[in-house]
Amino acid sequence: MALPAQCHVSESVQPASRPRLSEDVRVPRLREVRHRLALSQEELAEKSGVARSTIIKIEAGRDAWPSTVRKLAQALGVKPADLQ
């Protein structure tokens, strides 16, 4: 099925995304610190303003933005370096 002449898709359209200001950060101790403070992922999400789905991904090994690490550290009462 052909598209009407006035309706075509441009190949130059890129999805909108924020430019990276710094490198992503590995946060291997997030789960450990969260458990030590007896917080659920949902509780940490509420305290930090970081989505629970993001916390799940980070705890599974995905890198995080430095700003996200700062939010999580502040909510946990630790320094960002304590999560690395």
PDB file of N, CA and C in Angstrom:
ATOM      1  N   MET A   1       0.842  -1.175   0.000  1.00  0.00           N
ATOM      2  CA  MET A   1       0.000   0.000   0.000  1.00  0.00           C
ATOM      3  C   MET A   1       0.886   1.236   0.000  1.00  0.00           C
ATOM      4  N   ALA A   2       0.710   2.093  -0.945  1.00  0.00           N
ATOM      5  CA  ALA A   2       1.521   3.298  -1.077  1.00  0.00           C
ATOM      6  C   ALA A   2       0.950   4.426  -0.228  1.00  0.00           C
ATOM      7  N   LEU A   3       1.836   5.279   0.258  1.00  0.00           N
ATOM      8  CA  LEU A   3       1.408   6.449   1.015  1.00  0.00           C
ATOM      9  C   LEU A   3       0.942   7.529   0.053  1.00  0.00           C
ATOM     10  N   PRO A   4      -0.055   8.324   0.422  1.00  0.00           N
ATOM     11  CA  PRO A   4      -0.476   9.438  -0.432  1.00  0.00           C
ATOM     12  C   PRO A   4       0.702  10.372  -0.686  1.00  0.00           C
ATOM     13  N   ALA A   5       0.686  11.060  -1.803  1.00  0.00           N
ATOM     14  CA  ALA A   5       1.788  11.918  -2.221  1.00  0.00           C
ATOM     15  C   ALA A   5       2.143  12.966  -1.180  1.00  0.00           C
ATOM     16  N   GLN A   6       1.167  13.549  -0.490  1.00  0.00           N
ATOM     17  CA  GLN A   6       1.450  14.590   0.483  1.00  0.00           C
ATOM     18  C   GLN A   6       1.907  14.027   1.835  1.00  0.00           C
ATOM     19  N   CYS A   7       1.878  12.723   2.007  1.00  0.00           N
ATOM     20  CA  CYS A   7       2.245  12.119   3.293  1.00  0.00           C
ATOM     21  C   CYS A   7       3.447  11.208   3.096  1.00  0.00           C
ATOM     22  N   HIS A   8       4.624  11.671   3.467  1.00  0.00           N
ATOM     23  CA  HIS A   8       5.813  10.837   3.391  1.00  0.00           C
ATOM     24  C   HIS A   8       6.589  10.931   4.700  1.00  0.00           C
ATOM     25  N   VAL A   9       7.375   9.940   4.936  1.00  0.00           N
ATOM     26  CA  VAL A   9       8.139   9.875   6.177  1.00  0.00           C
ATOM     27  C   VAL A   9       9.549  10.358   5.926  1.00  0.00           C
ATOM     28  N   SER A  10       9.998  11.273   6.748  1.00  0.00           N
ATOM     29  CA  SER A  10      11.351  11.786   6.615  1.00  0.00           C
ATOM     30  C   SER A  10      12.306  10.869   7.374  1.00  0.00           C
ATOM     31  N   GLU A  11      13.393  10.485   6.737  1.00  0.00           N
ATOM     32  CA  GLU A  11      14.368   9.629   7.393  1.00  0.00           C
ATOM     33  C   GLU A  11      15.265  10.414   8.349  1.00  0.00           C
ATOM     34  N   SER A  12      15.210  11.746   8.289  1.00  0.00           N
ATOM     35  CA  SER A  12      16.094  12.549   9.129  1.00  0.00           C
ATOM     36  C   SER A  12      15.514  12.829  10.513  1.00  0.00           C
ATOM     37  N   VAL A  13      14.285  12.402  10.765  1.00  0.00           N
ATOM     38  CA  VAL A  13      13.657  12.666  12.055  1.00  0.00           C
ATOM     39  C   VAL A  13      14.307  11.773  13.109  1.00  0.00           C
ATOM     40  N   GLN A  14      14.791  12.380  14.164  1.00  0.00           N
ATOM     41  CA  GLN A  14      15.425  11.662  15.263  1.00  0.00           C
ATOM     42  C   GLN A  14      14.552  11.782  16.502  1.00  0.00           C
ATOM     43  N   PRO A  15      14.485  10.746  17.332  1.00  0.00           N
ATOM     44  CA  PRO A  15      13.716  10.880  18.567  1.00  0.00           C
ATOM     45  C   PRO A  15      14.354  11.931  19.469  1.00  0.00           C
ATOM     46  N   ALA A  16      13.519  12.679  20.157  1.00  0.00           N
ATOM     47  CA  ALA A  16      14.033  13.717  21.060  1.00  0.00           C
ATOM     48  C   ALA A  16      14.693  13.069  22.265  1.00  0.00           C
ATOM     49  N   SER A  17      15.851  13.551  22.622  1.00  0.00           N
ATOM     50  CA  SER A  17      16.538  13.058  23.815  1.00  0.00           C
ATOM     51  C   SER A  17      17.430  14.161  24.356  1.00  0.00           C
ATOM     52  N   ARG A  18      17.699  14.066  25.660  1.00  0.00           N
ATOM     53  CA  ARG A  18      18.574  15.054  26.280  1.00  0.00           C
ATOM     54  C   ARG A  18      20.015  14.752  25.917  1.00  0.00           C
ATOM     55  N   PRO A  19      20.815  15.787  25.705  1.00  0.00           N
ATOM     56  CA  PRO A  19      22.238  15.535  25.472  1.00  0.00           C
ATOM     57  C   PRO A  19      22.891  15.077  26.780  1.00  0.00           C
ATOM     58  N   ARG A  20      23.823  14.195  26.680  1.00  0.00           N
ATOM     59  CA  ARG A  20      24.539  13.706  27.864  1.00  0.00           C
ATOM     60  C   ARG A  20      25.550  14.751  28.288  1.00  0.00           C
ATOM     61  N   LEU A  21      25.463  15.178  29.549  1.00  0.00           N
ATOM     62  CA  LEU A  21      26.397  16.169  30.060  1.00  0.00           C
ATOM     63  C   LEU A  21      27.628  15.514  30.664  1.00  0.00           C
ATOM     64  N   SER A  22      27.488  14.274  31.092  1.00  0.00           N
ATOM     65  CA  SER A  22      28.622  13.549  31.645  1.00  0.00           C
ATOM     66  C   SER A  22      28.376  12.060  31.466  1.00  0.00           C
ATOM     67  N   GLU A  23      29.347  11.284  31.833  1.00  0.00           N
ATOM     68  CA  GLU A  23      29.269   9.845  31.637  1.00  0.00           C
ATOM     69  C   GLU A  23      28.306   9.185  32.617  1.00  0.00           C
ATOM     70  N   ASP A  24      27.679   8.108  32.177  1.00  0.00           N
ATOM     71  CA  ASP A  24      26.822   7.321  33.052  1.00  0.00           C
ATOM     72  C   ASP A  24      27.666   6.679  34.150  1.00  0.00           C
ATOM     73  N   VAL A  25      26.999   6.334  35.248  1.00  0.00           N
ATOM     74  CA  VAL A  25      27.700   5.831  36.424  1.00  0.00           C
ATOM     75  C   VAL A  25      27.173   4.444  36.782  1.00  0.00           C
ATOM     76  N   ARG A  26      28.075   3.542  37.123  1.00  0.00           N
ATOM     77  CA  ARG A  26      27.706   2.213  37.618  1.00  0.00           C
ATOM     78  C   ARG A  26      27.407   2.355  39.107  1.00  0.00           C
ATOM     79  N   VAL A  27      26.312   1.734  39.586  1.00  0.00           N
ATOM     80  CA  VAL A  27      25.876   1.897  40.978  1.00  0.00           C
ATOM     81  C   VAL A  27      25.666   0.505  41.606  1.00  0.00           C
ATOM     82  N   PRO A  28      26.728  -0.263  41.790  1.00  0.00           N
ATOM     83  CA  PRO A  28      26.573  -1.654  42.233  1.00  0.00           C
ATOM     84  C   PRO A  28      26.092  -1.827  43.677  1.00  0.00           C
ATOM     85  N   ARG A  29      26.234  -0.814  44.517  1.00  0.00           N
ATOM     86  CA  ARG A  29      25.884  -0.984  45.933  1.00  0.00           C
ATOM     87  C   ARG A  29      24.507  -0.428  46.284  1.00  0.00           C
ATOM     88  N   LEU A  30      23.742   0.005  45.297  1.00  0.00           N
ATOM     89  CA  LEU A  30      22.430   0.587  45.579  1.00  0.00           C
ATOM     90  C   LEU A  30      21.535  -0.372  46.350  1.00  0.00           C
ATOM     91  N   ARG A  31      21.390  -1.587  45.887  1.00  0.00           N
ATOM     92  CA  ARG A  31      20.520  -2.563  46.553  1.00  0.00           C
ATOM     93  C   ARG A  31      20.998  -2.829  47.977  1.00  0.00           C
ATOM     94  N   GLU A  32      22.305  -2.996  48.140  1.00  0.00           N
ATOM     95  CA  GLU A  32      22.874  -3.263  49.462  1.00  0.00           C
ATOM     96  C   GLU A  32      22.527  -2.144  50.451  1.00  0.00           C
ATOM     97  N   VAL A  33      22.731  -0.915  50.042  1.00  0.00           N
ATOM     98  CA  VAL A  33      22.446   0.228  50.925  1.00  0.00           C
ATOM     99  C   VAL A  33      20.947   0.333  51.186  1.00  0.00           C
ATOM    100  N   ARG A  34      20.134   0.131  50.160  1.00  0.00           N
ATOM    101  CA  ARG A  34      18.679   0.194  50.328  1.00  0.00           C
ATOM    102  C   ARG A  34      18.198  -0.869  51.305  1.00  0.00           C
ATOM    103  N   HIS A  35      18.717  -2.078  51.189  1.00  0.00           N
ATOM    104  CA  HIS A  35      18.335  -3.157  52.112  1.00  0.00           C
ATOM    105  C   HIS A  35      18.788  -2.861  53.541  1.00  0.00           C
ATOM    106  N   ARG A  36      19.991  -2.324  53.673  1.00  0.00           N
ATOM    107  CA  ARG A  36      20.503  -1.996  55.006  1.00  0.00           C
ATOM    108  C   ARG A  36      19.588  -1.002  55.718  1.00  0.00           C
ATOM    109  N   LEU A  37      18.961  -0.104  54.952  1.00  0.00           N
ATOM    110  CA  LEU A  37      18.051   0.894  55.516  1.00  0.00           C
ATOM    111  C   LEU A  37      16.606   0.401  55.545  1.00  0.00           C
ATOM    112  N   ALA A  38      16.394  -0.854  55.158  1.00  0.00           N
ATOM    113  CA  ALA A  38      15.070  -1.491  55.161  1.00  0.00           C
ATOM    114  C   ALA A  38      14.043  -0.709  54.344  1.00  0.00           C
ATOM    115  N   LEU A  39      14.479  -0.243  53.158  1.00  0.00           N
ATOM    116  CA  LEU A  39      13.573   0.472  52.257  1.00  0.00           C
ATOM    117  C   LEU A  39      13.206  -0.422  51.080  1.00  0.00           C
ATOM    118  N   SER A  40      11.952  -0.386  50.685  1.00  0.00           N
ATOM    119  CA  SER A  40      11.537  -1.074  49.470  1.00  0.00           C
ATOM    120  C   SER A  40      11.905  -0.191  48.275  1.00  0.00           C
ATOM    121  N   GLN A  41      11.863  -0.772  47.091  1.00  0.00           N
ATOM    122  CA  GLN A  41      12.114   0.020  45.887  1.00  0.00           C
ATOM    123  C   GLN A  41      11.075   1.129  45.765  1.00  0.00           C
ATOM    124  N   GLU A  42       9.835   0.821  46.094  1.00  0.00           N
ATOM    125  CA  GLU A  42       8.761   1.820  46.015  1.00  0.00           C
ATOM    126  C   GLU A  42       9.011   2.972  46.993  1.00  0.00           C
ATOM    127  N   GLU A  43       9.447   2.642  48.211  1.00  0.00           N
ATOM    128  CA  GLU A  43       9.731   3.693  49.201  1.00  0.00           C
ATOM    129  C   GLU A  43      10.887   4.577  48.745  1.00  0.00           C
ATOM    130  N   LEU A  44      11.925   3.955  48.196  1.00  0.00           N
ATOM    131  CA  LEU A  44      13.057   4.735  47.693  1.00  0.00           C
ATOM    132  C   LEU A  44      12.620   5.609  46.523  1.00  0.00           C
ATOM    133  N   ALA A  45      11.768   5.082  45.674  1.00  0.00           N
ATOM    134  CA  ALA A  45      11.269   5.868  44.542  1.00  0.00           C
ATOM    135  C   ALA A  45      10.527   7.105  45.040  1.00  0.00           C
ATOM    136  N   GLU A  46       9.688   6.937  46.040  1.00  0.00           N
ATOM    137  CA  GLU A  46       8.934   8.072  46.585  1.00  0.00           C
ATOM    138  C   GLU A  46       9.851   9.095  47.241  1.00  0.00           C
ATOM    139  N   LYS A  47      10.832   8.626  48.009  1.00  0.00           N
ATOM    140  CA  LYS A  47      11.760   9.533  48.702  1.00  0.00           C
ATOM    141  C   LYS A  47      12.674  10.290  47.743  1.00  0.00           C
ATOM    142  N   SER A  48      13.075   9.622  46.660  1.00  0.00           N
ATOM    143  CA  SER A  48      14.077  10.195  45.758  1.00  0.00           C
ATOM    144  C   SER A  48      13.490  10.922  44.553  1.00  0.00           C
ATOM    145  N   GLY A  49      12.270  10.593  44.187  1.00  0.00           N
ATOM    146  CA  GLY A  49      11.708  11.150  42.965  1.00  0.00           C
ATOM    147  C   GLY A  49      12.187  10.432  41.715  1.00  0.00           C
ATOM    148  N   VAL A  50      12.842   9.286  41.900  1.00  0.00           N
ATOM    149  CA  VAL A  50      13.310   8.460  40.786  1.00  0.00           C
ATOM    150  C   VAL A  50      12.289   7.340  40.581  1.00  0.00           C
ATOM    151  N   ALA A  51      11.908   7.085  39.358  1.00  0.00           N
ATOM    152  CA  ALA A  51      10.904   6.061  39.068  1.00  0.00           C
ATOM    153  C   ALA A  51      11.359   4.688  39.555  1.00  0.00           C
ATOM    154  N   ARG A  52      10.414   3.920  40.084  1.00  0.00           N
ATOM    155  CA  ARG A  52      10.722   2.565  40.550  1.00  0.00           C
ATOM    156  C   ARG A  52      11.312   1.723  39.413  1.00  0.00           C
ATOM    157  N   SER A  53      10.802   1.900  38.206  1.00  0.00           N
ATOM    158  CA  SER A  53      11.327   1.140  37.069  1.00  0.00           C
ATOM    159  C   SER A  53      12.799   1.461  36.822  1.00  0.00           C
ATOM    160  N   THR A  54      13.199   2.694  37.069  1.00  0.00           N
ATOM    161  CA  THR A  54      14.606   3.084  36.925  1.00  0.00           C
ATOM    162  C   THR A  54      15.441   2.424  38.012  1.00  0.00           C
ATOM    163  N   ILE A  55      14.937   2.406  39.241  1.00  0.00           N
ATOM    164  CA  ILE A  55      15.650   1.763  40.349  1.00  0.00           C
ATOM    165  C   ILE A  55      15.835   0.275  40.052  1.00  0.00           C
ATOM    166  N   ILE A  56      14.803  -0.372  39.538  1.00  0.00           N
ATOM    167  CA  ILE A  56      14.896  -1.795  39.180  1.00  0.00           C
ATOM    168  C   ILE A  56      16.010  -2.006  38.150  1.00  0.00           C
ATOM    169  N   LYS A  57      16.057  -1.160  37.123  1.00  0.00           N
ATOM    170  CA  LYS A  57      17.074  -1.289  36.076  1.00  0.00           C
ATOM    171  C   LYS A  57      18.478  -1.067  36.628  1.00  0.00           C
ATOM    172  N   ILE A  58      18.629  -0.062  37.484  1.00  0.00           N
ATOM    173  CA  ILE A  58      19.950   0.218  38.060  1.00  0.00           C
ATOM    174  C   ILE A  58      20.400  -0.949  38.933  1.00  0.00           C
ATOM    175  N   GLU A  59      19.493  -1.486  39.744  1.00  0.00           N
ATOM    176  CA  GLU A  59      19.854  -2.619  40.608  1.00  0.00           C
ATOM    177  C   GLU A  59      20.163  -3.875  39.796  1.00  0.00           C
ATOM    178  N   ALA A  60      19.654  -3.943  38.579  1.00  0.00           N
ATOM    179  CA  ALA A  60      19.926  -5.081  37.702  1.00  0.00           C
ATOM    180  C   ALA A  60      21.237  -4.900  36.927  1.00  0.00           C
ATOM    181  N   GLY A  61      21.914  -3.750  37.143  1.00  0.00           N
ATOM    182  CA  GLY A  61      23.222  -3.557  36.524  1.00  0.00           C
ATOM    183  C   GLY A  61      23.308  -2.474  35.481  1.00  0.00           C
ATOM    184  N   ARG A  62      22.205  -1.817  35.178  1.00  0.00           N
ATOM    185  CA  ARG A  62      22.248  -0.737  34.188  1.00  0.00           C
ATOM    186  C   ARG A  62      22.910   0.499  34.791  1.00  0.00           C
ATOM    187  N   ASP A  63      23.666   1.217  33.991  1.00  0.00           N
ATOM    188  CA  ASP A  63      24.306   2.458  34.438  1.00  0.00           C
ATOM    189  C   ASP A  63      23.238   3.537  34.649  1.00  0.00           C
ATOM    190  N   ALA A  64      23.577   4.526  35.474  1.00  0.00           N
ATOM    191  CA  ALA A  64      22.643   5.608  35.785  1.00  0.00           C
ATOM    192  C   ALA A  64      23.274   6.954  35.477  1.00  0.00           C
ATOM    193  N   TRP A  65      22.412   7.935  35.229  1.00  0.00           N
ATOM    194  CA  TRP A  65      22.880   9.300  35.052  1.00  0.00           C
ATOM    195  C   TRP A  65      23.410   9.801  36.392  1.00  0.00           C
ATOM    196  N   PRO A  66      24.452  10.625  36.385  1.00  0.00           N
ATOM    197  CA  PRO A  66      24.971  11.187  37.641  1.00  0.00           C
ATOM    198  C   PRO A  66      23.891  11.906  38.453  1.00  0.00           C
ATOM    199  N   SER A  67      22.987  12.603  37.788  1.00  0.00           N
ATOM    200  CA  SER A  67      21.923  13.305  38.528  1.00  0.00           C
ATOM    201  C   SER A  67      20.997  12.323  39.233  1.00  0.00           C
ATOM    202  N   THR A  68      20.765  11.173  38.639  1.00  0.00           N
ATOM    203  CA  THR A  68      19.937  10.134  39.264  1.00  0.00           C
ATOM    204  C   THR A  68      20.651   9.564  40.478  1.00  0.00           C
ATOM    205  N   VAL A  69      21.944   9.338  40.362  1.00  0.00           N
ATOM    206  CA  VAL A  69      22.729   8.809  41.482  1.00  0.00           C
ATOM    207  C   VAL A  69      22.697   9.801  42.644  1.00  0.00           C
ATOM    208  N   ARG A  70      22.805  11.089  42.342  1.00  0.00           N
ATOM    209  CA  ARG A  70      22.741  12.103  43.406  1.00  0.00           C
ATOM    210  C   ARG A  70      21.397  12.076  44.117  1.00  0.00           C
ATOM    211  N   LYS A  71      20.306  11.969  43.375  1.00  0.00           N
ATOM    212  CA  LYS A  71      18.971  11.900  43.986  1.00  0.00           C
ATOM    213  C   LYS A  71      18.838  10.677  44.887  1.00  0.00           C
ATOM    214  N   LEU A  72      19.303   9.533  44.405  1.00  0.00           N
ATOM    215  CA  LEU A  72      19.212   8.304  45.193  1.00  0.00           C
ATOM    216  C   LEU A  72      20.065   8.397  46.451  1.00  0.00           C
ATOM    217  N   ALA A  73      21.281   8.905  46.309  1.00  0.00           N
ATOM    218  CA  ALA A  73      22.178   9.040  47.461  1.00  0.00           C
ATOM    219  C   ALA A  73      21.577   9.968  48.507  1.00  0.00           C
ATOM    220  N   GLN A  74      21.027  11.081  48.067  1.00  0.00           N
ATOM    221  CA  GLN A  74      20.429  12.027  49.010  1.00  0.00           C
ATOM    222  C   GLN A  74      19.268  11.373  49.753  1.00  0.00           C
ATOM    223  N   ALA A  75      18.426  10.638  49.037  1.00  0.00           N
ATOM    224  CA  ALA A  75      17.287   9.973  49.678  1.00  0.00           C
ATOM    225  C   ALA A  75      17.739   8.899  50.660  1.00  0.00           C
ATOM    226  N   LEU A  76      18.895   8.286  50.394  1.00  0.00           N
ATOM    227  CA  LEU A  76      19.425   7.242  51.281  1.00  0.00           C
ATOM    228  C   LEU A  76      20.307   7.810  52.390  1.00  0.00           C
ATOM    229  N   GLY A  77      20.626   9.085  52.316  1.00  0.00           N
ATOM    230  CA  GLY A  77      21.458   9.709  53.332  1.00  0.00           C
ATOM    231  C   GLY A  77      22.924   9.317  53.235  1.00  0.00           C
ATOM    232  N   VAL A  78      23.383   9.050  52.006  1.00  0.00           N
ATOM    233  CA  VAL A  78      24.785   8.688  51.797  1.00  0.00           C
ATOM    234  C   VAL A  78      25.362   9.573  50.705  1.00  0.00           C
ATOM    235  N   LYS A  79      26.665   9.488  50.501  1.00  0.00           N
ATOM    236  CA  LYS A  79      27.333  10.184  49.402  1.00  0.00           C
ATOM    237  C   LYS A  79      27.184   9.344  48.137  1.00  0.00           C
ATOM    238  N   PRO A  80      27.109   9.978  46.954  1.00  0.00           N
ATOM    239  CA  PRO A  80      27.022   9.202  45.721  1.00  0.00           C
ATOM    240  C   PRO A  80      28.126   8.143  45.600  1.00  0.00           C
ATOM    241  N   ALA A  81      29.325   8.471  46.062  1.00  0.00           N
ATOM    242  CA  ALA A  81      30.435   7.508  45.979  1.00  0.00           C
ATOM    243  C   ALA A  81      30.178   6.257  46.814  1.00  0.00           C
ATOM    244  N   ASP A  82      29.333   6.368  47.855  1.00  0.00           N
ATOM    245  CA  ASP A  82      29.010   5.200  48.682  1.00  0.00           C
ATOM    246  C   ASP A  82      28.171   4.167  47.942  1.00  0.00           C
ATOM    247  N   LEU A  83      27.603   4.556  46.814  1.00  0.00           N
ATOM    248  CA  LEU A  83      26.782   3.637  46.031  1.00  0.00           C
ATOM    249  C   LEU A  83      27.580   2.963  44.929  1.00  0.00           C
ATOM    250  N   GLN A  84      28.818   3.397  44.727  1.00  0.00           N
ATOM    251  CA  GLN A  84      29.651   2.866  43.645  1.00  0.00           C
ATOM    252  C   GLN A  84      30.579   1.779  44.122  1.00  0.00           C
TER     253      GLN A  84
END
